[in-house]
Amino acid sequence: MSAVVRAARSEDAASIAAIYNHAVLNTTATFDTEVKSAENRAAWLTDRSKQHPVIVAEKDGVVVGWGAFLPYSDRCSYISTVEMSVYIDPAHVRSGLGGMLSRQLLDMAPGIGVHNILSRICSENVASLAMAERLGFTTVGTLHEVGRKFDRWLDVVMLEFITEPSQTV
């Protein structure tokens, strides 16, 4: 069965936490170093504005990936700018789910008032950088040695995707 993309629900919190926690503990896909509980993710799911949806990819009734728009800044002038994050269960990496979730978020953006979508990707995450390029993101710069994880300094590539101006609020 192929994956279905849908809005995240509170009962998805444990799956979202498990997928994210794998990235926290094993990868540089996130610079977070603290695992999240299902309760934490449930609260996170309820504390969303219109511009910050969370979606999941579900296969055979199991959540195998998730994506979200996150606030770029709490200053009101940035309301139409978001950061995009997508995480996939390790058993389903490189199956097209990352692209599927990303495309869904990009398609949603104009209708929810999002104009600029930012992505911060660790420079060693070659697969994610290639996917962002395929999706139409433009590299705007590299921040050198801004993160430290697994006892080494890490660079972050900054990318952006600008939606059609006439489609945003």
Protein backbone atom coordinates (compact mmCIF):
# COMPACT_ATOMS: atom_id res chain seq x y z
CA MET A 1 0.00 0.00 0.00
CA SER A 2 1.24 3.50 -0.78
CA ALA A 3 1.52 6.20 1.84
CA VAL A 4 -1.31 8.58 2.64
CA VAL A 5 -0.50 12.13 3.73
CA ARG A 6 -2.88 13.71 6.21
CA ALA A 7 -3.02 16.28 9.00
CA ALA A 8 -1.39 15.08 12.21
CA ARG A 9 -3.70 14.17 15.09
CA SER A 10 -3.05 13.95 18.82
CA GLU A 11 -2.88 10.16 18.65
CA ASP A 12 0.14 10.52 16.31
CA ALA A 13 2.24 12.13 19.06
CA ALA A 14 4.07 8.94 20.12
CA SER A 15 4.98 8.05 16.53
CA ILE A 16 6.12 11.61 15.81
CA ALA A 17 8.25 11.56 18.97
CA ALA A 18 9.80 8.17 18.11
CA ILE A 19 10.73 9.27 14.58
CA TYR A 20 12.18 12.56 15.83
CA ASN A 21 14.03 10.91 18.72
CA HIS A 22 15.83 8.58 16.33
CA ALA A 23 17.13 11.66 14.49
CA VAL A 24 18.07 13.34 17.78
CA LEU A 25 20.10 10.36 18.99
CA ASN A 26 21.63 9.15 15.72
CA THR A 27 21.87 11.89 13.11
CA THR A 28 22.73 15.51 12.40
CA ALA A 29 19.34 16.05 10.73
CA THR A 30 18.51 17.97 13.90
CA PHE A 31 20.90 19.73 16.23
CA ASP A 32 18.56 18.93 19.11
CA THR A 33 20.18 16.66 21.68
CA GLU A 34 17.21 16.05 23.98
CA VAL A 35 14.61 13.39 23.20
CA LYS A 36 10.94 14.37 23.26
CA SER A 37 8.20 12.47 25.06
CA ALA A 38 4.86 11.60 23.51
CA GLU A 39 3.31 14.06 25.96
CA ASN A 40 5.66 16.80 24.79
CA ARG A 41 4.78 16.14 21.15
CA ALA A 42 1.05 16.04 21.97
CA ALA A 43 1.31 19.50 23.53
CA TRP A 44 3.40 20.64 20.54
CA LEU A 45 0.68 19.43 18.18
CA THR A 46 -2.01 21.47 19.94
CA ASP A 47 0.05 24.67 20.05
CA ARG A 48 -0.08 25.43 16.31
CA SER A 49 -1.12 28.48 14.33
CA LYS A 50 -2.65 28.39 10.84
CA GLN A 51 0.80 28.95 9.27
CA HIS A 52 2.37 26.05 11.22
CA PRO A 53 0.63 22.79 10.30
CA VAL A 54 1.97 19.32 11.02
CA ILE A 55 1.30 16.51 8.55
CA VAL A 56 2.11 12.82 8.61
CA ALA A 57 2.70 10.05 6.09
CA GLU A 58 0.87 6.88 7.03
CA LYS A 59 1.44 3.43 5.57
CA ASP A 60 -0.82 0.53 6.49
CA GLY A 61 -2.14 2.52 9.46
CA VAL A 62 1.34 3.35 10.80
CA VAL A 63 2.89 6.84 10.84
CA VAL A 64 6.19 6.54 8.97
CA GLY A 65 7.09 10.22 8.58
CA TRP A 66 6.04 13.71 9.45
CA GLY A 67 6.59 17.26 8.30
CA ALA A 68 5.84 20.68 9.73
CA PHE A 69 6.14 24.38 9.24
CA LEU A 70 7.75 25.94 12.30
CA PRO A 71 7.83 29.60 13.29
CA TYR A 72 10.88 31.44 11.98
CA SER A 73 10.51 34.19 14.57
CA ASP A 74 7.98 35.31 17.16
CA ARG A 75 8.06 38.86 15.75
CA CYS A 76 4.81 39.60 13.91
CA SER A 77 6.47 40.86 10.72
CA TYR A 78 7.75 37.32 10.12
CA ILE A 79 4.31 35.64 10.22
CA SER A 80 4.53 34.67 6.53
CA THR A 81 8.01 33.12 6.90
CA VAL A 82 8.38 29.59 8.24
CA GLU A 83 10.99 26.90 8.61
CA MET A 84 10.21 23.50 7.13
CA SER A 85 11.17 20.26 8.86
CA VAL A 86 10.59 16.71 7.62
CA TYR A 87 11.56 13.47 9.38
CA ILE A 88 11.16 9.89 8.16
CA ASP A 89 11.19 6.63 10.11
CA PRO A 90 14.63 5.05 9.51
CA ALA A 91 13.03 1.94 7.97
CA HIS A 92 11.45 4.14 5.27
CA VAL A 93 14.30 6.53 4.43
CA ARG A 94 14.93 6.98 0.69
CA SER A 95 11.47 5.72 -0.20
CA GLY A 96 10.19 9.05 -1.52
CA LEU A 97 8.29 9.95 1.64
CA GLY A 98 10.46 12.99 2.38
CA GLY A 99 9.71 14.44 -1.02
CA MET A 100 6.03 13.58 -0.71
CA LEU A 101 5.67 15.35 2.65
CA SER A 102 7.75 18.31 1.48
CA ARG A 103 5.70 18.78 -1.70
CA GLN A 104 2.48 18.65 0.32
CA LEU A 105 3.74 21.39 2.65
CA LEU A 106 4.95 23.52 -0.27
CA ASP A 107 1.56 23.12 -1.97
CA MET A 108 -0.25 24.16 1.24
CA ALA A 109 1.88 27.25 1.81
CA PRO A 110 0.11 29.90 -0.30
CA GLY A 111 -3.32 28.93 1.02
CA ILE A 112 -2.28 29.37 4.65
CA GLY A 113 -0.48 32.67 4.20
CA VAL A 114 3.10 31.39 3.95
CA HIS A 115 5.35 33.31 1.55
CA ASN A 116 8.95 32.32 2.39
CA ILE A 117 9.91 28.80 3.47
CA LEU A 118 13.34 28.39 5.01
CA SER A 119 15.27 25.20 5.53
CA ARG A 120 18.42 24.73 7.59
CA ILE A 121 20.23 21.54 6.59
CA CYS A 122 23.50 20.23 8.00
CA SER A 123 26.11 20.40 5.24
CA GLU A 124 26.89 16.68 5.63
CA ASN A 125 23.25 15.75 4.92
CA VAL A 126 23.80 15.37 1.18
CA ALA A 127 20.52 13.54 0.51
CA SER A 128 18.40 16.28 2.11
CA LEU A 129 20.33 19.01 0.31
CA ALA A 130 19.75 17.24 -3.02
CA MET A 131 16.05 16.84 -2.25
CA ALA A 132 15.72 20.53 -1.36
CA GLU A 133 17.32 21.45 -4.67
CA ARG A 134 14.93 19.14 -6.57
CA LEU A 135 12.00 20.81 -4.79
CA GLY A 136 13.11 24.25 -5.96
CA PHE A 137 14.82 25.59 -2.85
CA THR A 138 17.64 28.07 -3.44
CA THR A 139 20.80 28.03 -1.32
CA VAL A 140 21.31 31.43 0.27
CA GLY A 141 24.41 30.71 2.34
CA THR A 142 26.34 28.51 4.73
CA LEU A 143 26.72 29.14 8.44
CA HIS A 144 30.05 27.67 9.50
CA GLU A 145 30.52 25.74 12.74
CA VAL A 146 27.25 26.96 14.25
CA GLY A 147 26.33 23.61 15.78
CA ARG A 148 28.18 21.06 17.84
CA LYS A 149 26.96 17.48 18.02
CA PHE A 150 28.68 14.12 18.33
CA ASP A 151 31.81 15.98 19.50
CA ARG A 152 32.34 17.90 16.26
CA TRP A 153 31.52 21.29 14.76
CA LEU A 154 28.84 21.32 12.08
CA ASP A 155 27.98 23.72 9.28
CA VAL A 156 24.42 24.56 8.26
CA VAL A 157 23.31 25.35 4.72
CA MET A 158 20.48 27.91 4.60
CA LEU A 159 17.93 27.48 1.82
CA GLU A 160 14.73 29.27 0.89
CA PHE A 161 11.66 28.70 -1.25
CA ILE A 162 9.51 31.70 -2.10
CA THR A 163 5.89 31.11 -3.04
CA GLU A 164 4.01 33.21 -5.57
CA PRO A 165 3.45 36.68 -4.02
CA SER A 166 -0.10 36.96 -5.32
CA GLN A 167 -1.07 33.78 -3.47
CA THR A 168 -0.09 34.82 0.05
CA VAL A 169 -1.73 37.04 2.61
